[in-house]
N, C-alpha and C. Protein backbone atom coordinates (compact mmCIF):
# COMPACT_ATOMS: atom_id res chain seq x y z
N UNK A 1 30.03 -10.85 -20.94
CA UNK A 1 29.62 -9.68 -21.71
C UNK A 1 28.90 -10.15 -22.97
N UNK A 2 27.78 -9.50 -23.25
CA UNK A 2 27.03 -9.84 -24.44
C UNK A 2 27.59 -9.08 -25.63
N UNK A 3 27.76 -9.79 -26.72
CA UNK A 3 28.19 -9.14 -27.95
C UNK A 3 27.17 -9.44 -29.02
N UNK A 4 26.83 -8.45 -29.84
CA UNK A 4 25.83 -8.70 -30.88
C UNK A 4 26.38 -9.65 -31.93
N UNK A 5 25.50 -10.45 -32.48
CA UNK A 5 25.91 -11.33 -33.57
C UNK A 5 26.00 -10.50 -34.84
N UNK A 6 26.62 -11.06 -35.84
CA UNK A 6 26.81 -10.31 -37.09
C UNK A 6 25.48 -10.01 -37.77
N UNK A 7 24.43 -10.81 -37.45
CA UNK A 7 23.14 -10.58 -38.06
C UNK A 7 22.22 -9.72 -37.19
N UNK A 8 22.73 -9.23 -36.07
CA UNK A 8 21.90 -8.43 -35.16
C UNK A 8 21.55 -7.09 -35.79
N UNK A 9 20.33 -6.65 -35.53
CA UNK A 9 19.88 -5.36 -36.00
C UNK A 9 20.31 -4.30 -35.01
N UNK A 10 20.92 -3.20 -35.48
CA UNK A 10 21.33 -2.14 -34.55
C UNK A 10 20.13 -1.68 -33.73
N UNK A 11 20.31 -1.57 -32.40
CA UNK A 11 19.25 -1.13 -31.51
C UNK A 11 18.31 -2.24 -31.08
N UNK A 12 18.48 -3.45 -31.62
CA UNK A 12 17.61 -4.57 -31.24
C UNK A 12 18.02 -5.11 -29.87
N UNK A 13 17.07 -5.73 -29.20
CA UNK A 13 17.36 -6.34 -27.92
C UNK A 13 18.28 -7.53 -28.11
N UNK A 14 19.12 -7.84 -27.12
CA UNK A 14 19.93 -9.05 -27.21
C UNK A 14 19.03 -10.28 -27.16
N UNK A 15 19.56 -11.40 -27.59
CA UNK A 15 18.82 -12.65 -27.55
C UNK A 15 18.46 -12.97 -26.10
N UNK A 16 17.22 -13.43 -25.85
CA UNK A 16 16.84 -13.79 -24.48
C UNK A 16 17.60 -15.01 -24.00
N UNK A 17 17.83 -15.06 -22.72
CA UNK A 17 18.47 -16.20 -22.09
C UNK A 17 17.37 -16.97 -21.36
N UNK A 18 17.14 -18.20 -21.77
CA UNK A 18 16.12 -19.02 -21.14
C UNK A 18 16.83 -20.09 -20.33
N UNK A 19 16.61 -20.06 -19.02
CA UNK A 19 17.27 -21.02 -18.13
C UNK A 19 16.82 -22.43 -18.45
N UNK A 20 17.74 -23.36 -18.26
CA UNK A 20 17.44 -24.77 -18.47
C UNK A 20 17.00 -25.35 -17.14
N UNK A 21 15.69 -25.30 -16.88
CA UNK A 21 15.15 -25.82 -15.63
C UNK A 21 13.77 -26.41 -15.88
N UNK A 22 13.35 -27.31 -15.00
CA UNK A 22 12.05 -27.94 -15.09
C UNK A 22 11.04 -27.10 -14.32
N UNK A 23 9.90 -26.85 -14.95
CA UNK A 23 8.85 -26.01 -14.40
C UNK A 23 7.65 -26.88 -14.03
N UNK A 24 7.02 -26.56 -12.91
CA UNK A 24 5.80 -27.25 -12.51
C UNK A 24 4.66 -26.81 -13.41
N UNK A 25 4.07 -27.75 -14.13
CA UNK A 25 2.90 -27.45 -14.95
C UNK A 25 1.65 -27.75 -14.15
N UNK A 26 0.62 -26.96 -14.40
CA UNK A 26 -0.68 -27.16 -13.76
C UNK A 26 -1.76 -27.03 -14.83
N UNK A 27 -2.96 -27.46 -14.51
CA UNK A 27 -4.06 -27.26 -15.44
C UNK A 27 -4.72 -25.91 -15.15
N UNK A 28 -5.78 -25.60 -15.84
CA UNK A 28 -6.43 -24.30 -15.68
C UNK A 28 -7.02 -24.11 -14.29
N UNK A 29 -7.16 -25.21 -13.53
CA UNK A 29 -7.68 -25.13 -12.17
C UNK A 29 -6.57 -25.23 -11.13
N UNK A 30 -5.32 -25.10 -11.56
CA UNK A 30 -4.13 -25.10 -10.70
C UNK A 30 -3.83 -26.47 -10.09
N UNK A 31 -4.19 -27.53 -10.77
CA UNK A 31 -3.86 -28.88 -10.32
C UNK A 31 -2.60 -29.34 -11.05
N UNK A 32 -1.59 -29.83 -10.31
CA UNK A 32 -0.36 -30.30 -10.95
C UNK A 32 -0.66 -31.35 -12.01
N UNK A 33 0.03 -31.22 -13.16
CA UNK A 33 -0.19 -32.18 -14.25
C UNK A 33 1.12 -32.50 -14.99
N UNK A 34 2.23 -32.39 -14.27
CA UNK A 34 3.50 -32.74 -14.89
C UNK A 34 4.50 -31.60 -14.83
N UNK A 35 5.52 -31.72 -15.64
CA UNK A 35 6.55 -30.69 -15.70
C UNK A 35 7.07 -30.60 -17.12
N UNK A 36 7.75 -29.51 -17.39
CA UNK A 36 8.36 -29.30 -18.71
C UNK A 36 9.54 -28.36 -18.53
N UNK A 37 10.38 -28.33 -19.52
CA UNK A 37 11.47 -27.35 -19.50
C UNK A 37 10.86 -25.96 -19.63
N UNK A 38 11.58 -24.98 -19.15
CA UNK A 38 11.11 -23.60 -19.27
C UNK A 38 10.87 -23.25 -20.75
N UNK A 39 11.76 -23.69 -21.61
CA UNK A 39 11.65 -23.40 -23.05
C UNK A 39 10.33 -23.95 -23.62
N UNK A 40 9.99 -25.21 -23.28
CA UNK A 40 8.74 -25.79 -23.76
C UNK A 40 7.53 -25.12 -23.13
N UNK A 41 7.63 -24.78 -21.84
CA UNK A 41 6.53 -24.09 -21.17
C UNK A 41 6.22 -22.78 -21.88
N UNK A 42 7.26 -22.01 -22.26
CA UNK A 42 7.06 -20.75 -22.98
C UNK A 42 6.54 -21.01 -24.39
N UNK A 43 7.14 -21.97 -25.09
CA UNK A 43 6.76 -22.23 -26.49
C UNK A 43 5.30 -22.64 -26.63
N UNK A 44 4.85 -23.54 -25.74
CA UNK A 44 3.49 -24.06 -25.85
C UNK A 44 2.50 -23.36 -24.92
N UNK A 45 2.98 -22.34 -24.23
CA UNK A 45 2.12 -21.51 -23.37
C UNK A 45 1.33 -22.34 -22.36
N UNK A 46 2.05 -23.22 -21.67
CA UNK A 46 1.42 -24.07 -20.67
C UNK A 46 1.06 -23.26 -19.42
N UNK A 47 -0.01 -23.68 -18.75
CA UNK A 47 -0.32 -23.14 -17.43
C UNK A 47 0.81 -23.53 -16.48
N UNK A 48 1.21 -22.60 -15.64
CA UNK A 48 2.27 -22.86 -14.66
C UNK A 48 2.05 -21.97 -13.44
N UNK A 49 2.84 -22.18 -12.42
CA UNK A 49 2.76 -21.38 -11.20
C UNK A 49 3.91 -20.38 -11.16
N UNK A 50 3.63 -19.24 -10.54
CA UNK A 50 4.66 -18.22 -10.34
C UNK A 50 4.44 -17.55 -8.99
N UNK A 51 5.51 -16.99 -8.45
CA UNK A 51 5.43 -16.28 -7.17
C UNK A 51 5.66 -14.79 -7.38
N UNK A 52 5.06 -14.00 -6.50
CA UNK A 52 5.16 -12.54 -6.51
C UNK A 52 5.40 -12.10 -5.06
N UNK A 53 6.62 -11.67 -4.76
CA UNK A 53 6.94 -11.25 -3.41
C UNK A 53 7.11 -9.74 -3.40
N UNK A 54 6.23 -9.06 -2.70
CA UNK A 54 6.29 -7.61 -2.58
C UNK A 54 7.16 -7.28 -1.38
N UNK A 55 8.30 -6.63 -1.64
CA UNK A 55 9.27 -6.29 -0.61
C UNK A 55 9.01 -4.84 -0.20
N UNK A 56 8.67 -4.66 1.08
CA UNK A 56 8.29 -3.34 1.60
C UNK A 56 9.30 -2.92 2.66
N UNK A 57 9.74 -1.65 2.59
CA UNK A 57 10.67 -1.15 3.61
C UNK A 57 9.90 -0.41 4.71
N UNK A 58 10.63 0.10 5.69
CA UNK A 58 10.03 0.78 6.83
C UNK A 58 9.27 2.04 6.48
N UNK A 59 9.53 2.62 5.34
CA UNK A 59 8.80 3.81 4.89
C UNK A 59 7.55 3.44 4.08
N UNK A 60 7.30 2.14 3.92
CA UNK A 60 6.15 1.69 3.16
C UNK A 60 6.38 1.67 1.66
N UNK A 61 7.64 1.85 1.24
CA UNK A 61 7.98 1.82 -0.19
C UNK A 61 8.20 0.37 -0.63
N UNK A 62 8.02 0.16 -1.93
CA UNK A 62 8.23 -1.17 -2.52
C UNK A 62 9.55 -1.20 -3.28
N UNK A 63 10.20 -2.34 -3.23
CA UNK A 63 11.41 -2.55 -4.03
C UNK A 63 10.94 -2.91 -5.44
N UNK A 64 11.30 -2.06 -6.40
CA UNK A 64 10.93 -2.25 -7.80
C UNK A 64 12.21 -2.53 -8.58
N UNK A 65 12.17 -3.60 -9.36
CA UNK A 65 13.34 -4.02 -10.14
C UNK A 65 13.20 -3.65 -11.60
N UNK A 66 14.32 -3.38 -12.23
CA UNK A 66 14.37 -3.25 -13.69
C UNK A 66 14.92 -4.57 -14.20
N UNK A 67 14.17 -5.24 -15.06
CA UNK A 67 14.58 -6.53 -15.62
C UNK A 67 15.71 -6.31 -16.63
N UNK A 68 16.61 -7.27 -16.73
CA UNK A 68 17.67 -7.17 -17.72
C UNK A 68 17.08 -7.31 -19.12
N UNK A 69 17.84 -6.91 -20.10
CA UNK A 69 17.40 -6.98 -21.48
C UNK A 69 17.44 -8.41 -22.04
N UNK A 70 18.01 -9.34 -21.29
CA UNK A 70 18.06 -10.73 -21.75
C UNK A 70 16.95 -11.60 -21.14
N UNK A 71 16.05 -11.01 -20.36
CA UNK A 71 14.91 -11.78 -19.83
C UNK A 71 14.03 -12.20 -21.00
N UNK A 72 13.49 -13.44 -20.95
CA UNK A 72 12.71 -13.92 -22.09
C UNK A 72 11.31 -13.31 -22.15
N UNK A 73 10.81 -12.79 -21.05
CA UNK A 73 9.49 -12.16 -21.01
C UNK A 73 9.66 -10.75 -20.46
N UNK A 74 9.13 -9.77 -21.15
CA UNK A 74 9.18 -8.36 -20.75
C UNK A 74 10.59 -7.86 -20.43
N UNK A 75 11.53 -8.04 -21.35
CA UNK A 75 12.90 -7.55 -21.11
C UNK A 75 12.93 -6.04 -20.93
N UNK A 76 13.68 -5.59 -19.94
CA UNK A 76 13.84 -4.17 -19.68
C UNK A 76 12.69 -3.52 -18.93
N UNK A 77 11.63 -4.24 -18.67
CA UNK A 77 10.49 -3.70 -17.94
C UNK A 77 10.78 -3.61 -16.45
N UNK A 78 9.94 -2.87 -15.74
CA UNK A 78 10.00 -2.83 -14.28
C UNK A 78 9.16 -3.97 -13.72
N UNK A 79 9.70 -4.66 -12.75
CA UNK A 79 8.97 -5.70 -12.03
C UNK A 79 8.60 -5.11 -10.68
N UNK A 80 7.32 -5.13 -10.35
CA UNK A 80 6.85 -4.54 -9.10
C UNK A 80 6.97 -5.51 -7.93
N UNK A 81 7.31 -6.75 -8.24
CA UNK A 81 7.51 -7.79 -7.22
C UNK A 81 8.70 -8.64 -7.60
N UNK A 82 9.29 -9.25 -6.61
CA UNK A 82 10.34 -10.24 -6.82
C UNK A 82 9.66 -11.58 -7.00
N UNK A 83 10.20 -12.42 -7.83
CA UNK A 83 9.59 -13.74 -7.96
C UNK A 83 9.92 -14.38 -9.28
N UNK A 84 9.17 -15.43 -9.57
CA UNK A 84 9.40 -16.15 -10.81
C UNK A 84 8.62 -17.44 -10.83
N UNK A 85 8.93 -18.26 -11.81
CA UNK A 85 8.20 -19.51 -11.98
C UNK A 85 8.58 -20.52 -10.89
N UNK A 86 7.64 -21.39 -10.59
CA UNK A 86 7.83 -22.43 -9.58
C UNK A 86 8.40 -23.66 -10.26
N UNK A 87 9.46 -24.18 -9.68
CA UNK A 87 10.10 -25.37 -10.23
C UNK A 87 9.27 -26.62 -10.05
N UNK A 88 9.57 -27.64 -10.84
CA UNK A 88 8.85 -28.92 -10.75
C UNK A 88 8.97 -29.48 -9.35
N UNK A 89 7.83 -29.80 -8.74
CA UNK A 89 7.80 -30.38 -7.40
C UNK A 89 8.06 -29.39 -6.28
N UNK A 90 8.22 -28.13 -6.59
CA UNK A 90 8.55 -27.11 -5.59
C UNK A 90 7.28 -26.46 -5.05
N UNK A 91 7.21 -26.26 -3.75
CA UNK A 91 6.08 -25.55 -3.14
C UNK A 91 6.22 -24.06 -3.41
N UNK A 92 5.10 -23.36 -3.49
CA UNK A 92 5.13 -21.94 -3.82
C UNK A 92 5.94 -21.12 -2.81
N UNK A 93 5.77 -21.39 -1.50
CA UNK A 93 6.50 -20.60 -0.50
C UNK A 93 8.01 -20.86 -0.58
N UNK A 94 8.40 -22.06 -0.96
CA UNK A 94 9.82 -22.37 -1.14
C UNK A 94 10.35 -21.63 -2.36
N UNK A 95 9.58 -21.62 -3.44
CA UNK A 95 9.97 -20.89 -4.65
C UNK A 95 10.08 -19.40 -4.35
N UNK A 96 9.16 -18.86 -3.56
CA UNK A 96 9.20 -17.43 -3.21
C UNK A 96 10.48 -17.11 -2.44
N UNK A 97 10.84 -17.94 -1.46
CA UNK A 97 12.09 -17.72 -0.70
C UNK A 97 13.31 -17.83 -1.61
N UNK A 98 13.30 -18.82 -2.50
CA UNK A 98 14.43 -19.01 -3.43
C UNK A 98 14.61 -17.78 -4.32
N UNK A 99 13.51 -17.32 -4.91
CA UNK A 99 13.58 -16.16 -5.80
C UNK A 99 14.03 -14.90 -5.06
N UNK A 100 13.55 -14.72 -3.84
CA UNK A 100 13.94 -13.56 -3.03
C UNK A 100 15.44 -13.57 -2.76
N UNK A 101 15.97 -14.75 -2.44
CA UNK A 101 17.42 -14.87 -2.20
C UNK A 101 18.21 -14.69 -3.49
N UNK A 102 17.75 -15.30 -4.59
CA UNK A 102 18.48 -15.22 -5.85
C UNK A 102 18.49 -13.80 -6.40
N UNK A 103 17.33 -13.16 -6.48
CA UNK A 103 17.22 -11.87 -7.17
C UNK A 103 17.71 -10.69 -6.35
N UNK A 104 17.45 -10.71 -5.03
CA UNK A 104 17.79 -9.55 -4.20
C UNK A 104 18.74 -9.85 -3.05
N UNK A 105 19.10 -11.12 -2.87
CA UNK A 105 20.01 -11.48 -1.78
C UNK A 105 19.36 -11.41 -0.40
N UNK A 106 18.04 -11.49 -0.34
CA UNK A 106 17.32 -11.40 0.93
C UNK A 106 17.04 -12.80 1.45
N UNK A 107 17.53 -13.07 2.67
CA UNK A 107 17.33 -14.38 3.28
C UNK A 107 16.95 -14.20 4.75
N UNK A 108 16.34 -15.23 5.32
CA UNK A 108 16.04 -15.24 6.74
C UNK A 108 14.94 -14.29 7.19
N UNK A 109 14.06 -13.92 6.29
CA UNK A 109 12.96 -13.02 6.63
C UNK A 109 11.64 -13.80 6.63
N UNK A 110 10.65 -13.25 7.29
CA UNK A 110 9.35 -13.89 7.37
C UNK A 110 8.47 -13.46 6.20
N UNK A 111 8.04 -14.43 5.42
CA UNK A 111 7.13 -14.18 4.30
C UNK A 111 5.69 -14.30 4.78
N UNK A 112 4.86 -13.36 4.39
CA UNK A 112 3.43 -13.45 4.68
C UNK A 112 2.69 -13.81 3.41
N UNK A 113 2.04 -14.99 3.39
CA UNK A 113 1.24 -15.33 2.21
C UNK A 113 -0.01 -14.47 2.16
N UNK A 114 -0.36 -13.99 0.97
CA UNK A 114 -1.49 -13.06 0.83
C UNK A 114 -2.67 -13.68 0.09
N UNK A 115 -2.47 -14.14 -1.14
CA UNK A 115 -3.55 -14.69 -1.95
C UNK A 115 -2.98 -15.39 -3.16
N UNK A 116 -3.84 -16.12 -3.84
CA UNK A 116 -3.48 -16.70 -5.13
C UNK A 116 -4.41 -16.08 -6.18
N UNK A 117 -3.96 -16.06 -7.41
CA UNK A 117 -4.75 -15.46 -8.49
C UNK A 117 -4.37 -16.08 -9.82
N UNK A 118 -5.24 -15.87 -10.79
CA UNK A 118 -4.97 -16.32 -12.16
C UNK A 118 -4.63 -15.09 -13.00
N UNK A 119 -3.65 -15.28 -13.89
CA UNK A 119 -3.29 -14.21 -14.82
C UNK A 119 -3.11 -14.83 -16.21
N UNK A 120 -3.78 -14.27 -17.20
CA UNK A 120 -3.57 -14.68 -18.59
C UNK A 120 -3.53 -13.44 -19.46
N UNK A 121 -2.70 -13.48 -20.48
CA UNK A 121 -2.64 -12.37 -21.44
C UNK A 121 -2.50 -12.88 -22.88
N UNK A 122 -2.81 -14.13 -23.08
CA UNK A 122 -2.68 -14.70 -24.42
C UNK A 122 -1.36 -15.40 -24.64
N UNK A 123 -0.32 -14.99 -23.91
CA UNK A 123 0.99 -15.63 -24.01
C UNK A 123 1.38 -16.31 -22.71
N UNK A 124 0.91 -15.76 -21.60
CA UNK A 124 1.25 -16.28 -20.28
C UNK A 124 -0.02 -16.80 -19.61
N UNK A 125 0.10 -17.99 -19.03
CA UNK A 125 -1.02 -18.62 -18.33
C UNK A 125 -0.52 -19.00 -16.94
N UNK A 126 -0.81 -18.15 -15.97
CA UNK A 126 -0.16 -18.21 -14.66
C UNK A 126 -1.18 -18.36 -13.54
N UNK A 127 -0.84 -19.23 -12.60
CA UNK A 127 -1.49 -19.26 -11.29
C UNK A 127 -0.45 -18.64 -10.34
N UNK A 128 -0.72 -17.43 -9.90
CA UNK A 128 0.24 -16.69 -9.07
C UNK A 128 -0.05 -16.82 -7.59
N UNK A 129 1.00 -16.80 -6.80
CA UNK A 129 0.92 -16.76 -5.34
C UNK A 129 1.63 -15.49 -4.89
N UNK A 130 0.89 -14.63 -4.19
CA UNK A 130 1.45 -13.35 -3.75
C UNK A 130 1.83 -13.41 -2.27
N UNK A 131 2.95 -12.77 -1.95
CA UNK A 131 3.49 -12.70 -0.60
C UNK A 131 3.94 -11.26 -0.35
N UNK A 132 4.08 -10.91 0.92
CA UNK A 132 4.69 -9.63 1.28
C UNK A 132 5.75 -9.91 2.34
N UNK A 133 6.82 -9.14 2.29
CA UNK A 133 7.89 -9.25 3.27
C UNK A 133 8.35 -7.83 3.62
N UNK A 134 8.66 -7.62 4.89
CA UNK A 134 9.21 -6.34 5.34
C UNK A 134 10.72 -6.48 5.43
N UNK A 135 11.44 -5.51 4.83
CA UNK A 135 12.89 -5.63 4.77
C UNK A 135 13.52 -4.25 4.61
N UNK A 136 14.54 -3.99 5.43
CA UNK A 136 15.24 -2.71 5.38
C UNK A 136 16.75 -2.88 5.22
N UNK A 137 17.20 -4.04 4.85
CA UNK A 137 18.64 -4.27 4.73
C UNK A 137 19.17 -4.02 3.33
N UNK A 138 20.41 -4.42 3.12
CA UNK A 138 21.04 -4.22 1.80
C UNK A 138 20.49 -5.21 0.78
N UNK A 139 20.59 -4.81 -0.48
CA UNK A 139 20.17 -5.65 -1.60
C UNK A 139 21.40 -6.11 -2.37
N UNK A 140 21.41 -7.36 -2.79
CA UNK A 140 22.45 -7.91 -3.64
C UNK A 140 21.75 -8.42 -4.89
N UNK A 141 21.89 -7.67 -5.98
CA UNK A 141 21.14 -7.95 -7.21
C UNK A 141 21.75 -9.08 -8.01
N UNK A 142 20.89 -9.93 -8.56
CA UNK A 142 21.30 -11.02 -9.44
C UNK A 142 21.58 -10.43 -10.82
N UNK A 143 22.84 -10.35 -11.20
CA UNK A 143 23.25 -9.61 -12.40
C UNK A 143 22.59 -10.07 -13.69
N UNK A 144 22.32 -11.36 -13.83
CA UNK A 144 21.75 -11.82 -15.09
C UNK A 144 20.24 -11.63 -15.20
N UNK A 145 19.58 -11.22 -14.10
CA UNK A 145 18.13 -11.01 -14.15
C UNK A 145 17.69 -9.61 -13.73
N UNK A 146 18.44 -8.98 -12.84
CA UNK A 146 18.03 -7.69 -12.28
C UNK A 146 19.06 -6.62 -12.67
N UNK A 147 18.65 -5.69 -13.52
CA UNK A 147 19.56 -4.63 -13.96
C UNK A 147 19.71 -3.55 -12.90
N UNK A 148 18.65 -3.29 -12.15
CA UNK A 148 18.66 -2.22 -11.15
C UNK A 148 17.48 -2.43 -10.22
N UNK A 149 17.53 -1.83 -9.06
CA UNK A 149 16.40 -1.87 -8.12
C UNK A 149 16.33 -0.52 -7.42
N UNK A 150 15.12 -0.11 -7.13
CA UNK A 150 14.90 1.16 -6.43
C UNK A 150 13.69 1.02 -5.53
N UNK A 151 13.57 1.91 -4.57
CA UNK A 151 12.43 1.92 -3.65
C UNK A 151 11.47 3.02 -4.11
N UNK A 152 10.21 2.64 -4.34
CA UNK A 152 9.19 3.58 -4.80
C UNK A 152 7.94 3.47 -3.93
N UNK A 153 7.21 4.56 -3.84
CA UNK A 153 5.90 4.48 -3.20
C UNK A 153 5.02 3.58 -4.05
N UNK A 154 3.98 3.05 -3.46
CA UNK A 154 3.06 2.20 -4.21
C UNK A 154 2.47 2.98 -5.38
N UNK A 155 2.13 4.24 -5.15
CA UNK A 155 1.55 5.07 -6.20
C UNK A 155 2.53 5.24 -7.36
N UNK A 156 3.79 5.52 -7.03
CA UNK A 156 4.81 5.70 -8.08
C UNK A 156 5.05 4.39 -8.83
N UNK A 157 5.01 3.28 -8.13
CA UNK A 157 5.19 1.98 -8.79
C UNK A 157 4.06 1.72 -9.78
N UNK A 158 2.83 2.00 -9.36
CA UNK A 158 1.69 1.79 -10.25
C UNK A 158 1.68 2.76 -11.43
N UNK A 159 2.35 3.90 -11.29
CA UNK A 159 2.40 4.89 -12.36
C UNK A 159 3.41 4.53 -13.45
N UNK A 160 4.27 3.56 -13.21
CA UNK A 160 5.26 3.16 -14.21
C UNK A 160 4.55 2.58 -15.43
N UNK A 161 4.79 3.17 -16.58
CA UNK A 161 4.15 2.69 -17.80
C UNK A 161 4.71 1.37 -18.28
N UNK A 162 5.96 1.08 -17.93
CA UNK A 162 6.60 -0.15 -18.41
C UNK A 162 6.72 -1.20 -17.31
N UNK A 163 5.71 -1.29 -16.45
CA UNK A 163 5.69 -2.34 -15.43
C UNK A 163 5.17 -3.62 -16.05
N UNK A 164 5.70 -4.76 -15.61
CA UNK A 164 5.19 -6.03 -16.12
C UNK A 164 3.71 -6.13 -15.76
N UNK A 165 2.87 -6.50 -16.72
CA UNK A 165 1.43 -6.49 -16.46
C UNK A 165 0.98 -7.44 -15.36
N UNK A 166 1.62 -8.59 -15.23
CA UNK A 166 1.21 -9.52 -14.18
C UNK A 166 1.54 -9.00 -12.80
N UNK A 167 2.70 -8.34 -12.65
CA UNK A 167 3.03 -7.79 -11.33
C UNK A 167 2.14 -6.58 -11.02
N UNK A 168 1.71 -5.84 -12.03
CA UNK A 168 0.77 -4.73 -11.82
C UNK A 168 -0.58 -5.26 -11.31
N UNK A 169 -1.08 -6.33 -11.94
CA UNK A 169 -2.34 -6.94 -11.51
C UNK A 169 -2.22 -7.40 -10.05
N UNK A 170 -1.11 -8.05 -9.73
CA UNK A 170 -0.91 -8.53 -8.36
C UNK A 170 -0.83 -7.36 -7.37
N UNK A 171 -0.13 -6.28 -7.73
CA UNK A 171 -0.02 -5.13 -6.84
C UNK A 171 -1.38 -4.46 -6.64
N UNK A 172 -2.15 -4.33 -7.69
CA UNK A 172 -3.48 -3.74 -7.55
C UNK A 172 -4.35 -4.57 -6.61
N UNK A 173 -4.23 -5.88 -6.70
CA UNK A 173 -4.99 -6.74 -5.79
C UNK A 173 -4.47 -6.63 -4.36
N UNK A 174 -3.14 -6.50 -4.19
CA UNK A 174 -2.58 -6.29 -2.85
C UNK A 174 -3.21 -5.05 -2.21
N UNK A 175 -3.34 -4.00 -2.98
CA UNK A 175 -3.95 -2.77 -2.47
C UNK A 175 -5.43 -2.97 -2.16
N UNK A 176 -6.16 -3.56 -3.11
CA UNK A 176 -7.59 -3.79 -2.93
C UNK A 176 -7.89 -4.61 -1.68
N UNK A 177 -7.03 -5.55 -1.37
CA UNK A 177 -7.27 -6.43 -0.23
C UNK A 177 -6.61 -5.94 1.06
N UNK A 178 -5.95 -4.77 1.01
CA UNK A 178 -5.40 -4.18 2.21
C UNK A 178 -4.11 -4.78 2.73
N UNK A 179 -3.37 -5.46 1.87
CA UNK A 179 -2.11 -6.08 2.28
C UNK A 179 -0.97 -5.11 2.45
N UNK A 180 -1.10 -3.90 1.92
CA UNK A 180 0.02 -2.95 1.96
C UNK A 180 -0.28 -1.75 2.87
N UNK A 181 -1.00 -1.99 3.93
CA UNK A 181 -1.23 -0.93 4.91
C UNK A 181 0.03 -0.73 5.73
N UNK A 182 0.00 0.24 6.63
CA UNK A 182 1.19 0.57 7.43
C UNK A 182 1.72 -0.65 8.18
N UNK A 183 3.04 -0.72 8.29
CA UNK A 183 3.69 -1.81 9.02
C UNK A 183 3.43 -1.70 10.50
N UNK A 184 3.38 -2.85 11.15
CA UNK A 184 3.21 -2.89 12.61
C UNK A 184 4.56 -3.12 13.26
N UNK A 185 5.35 -2.05 13.40
CA UNK A 185 6.69 -2.19 14.02
C UNK A 185 6.62 -1.88 15.50
């Protein structure tokens, strides 16, 4: 349980929790160039890789997560995709499977790779890899990262004002490239 410190401002967000893990660093052209702790990657705004897994159910809805208030980037925002940073030496598809299992408890499903893209906003410098997966089973949320999850139409997901900007960019590209058309069941 989080408790505010004596110097906390009423109504302020709790202190972010930054995992102690090594992140794969890349250059602006997505070539591996070493690794750093997550804390250093955030502090120095290094280019890194991240995964975006769009989880679609049989009705064509997307699983949209509410980030916990202790996330170091966009706390409390809606994430339109499951995913996260790629670990040092980790392949993107392996990172995507790991994040899917960690955040939503989804394992043993077939991931479809869609595209890679660059995202920058002045604070984040990301080479993203987007995937889609079809899933209609139960969700097991990772308590320290996912506050809630719901199924929304693509339109409703894009209408969320507090969606993480990188996942919004990825979702818009998924639509533009036709990755979210009707399922072939």
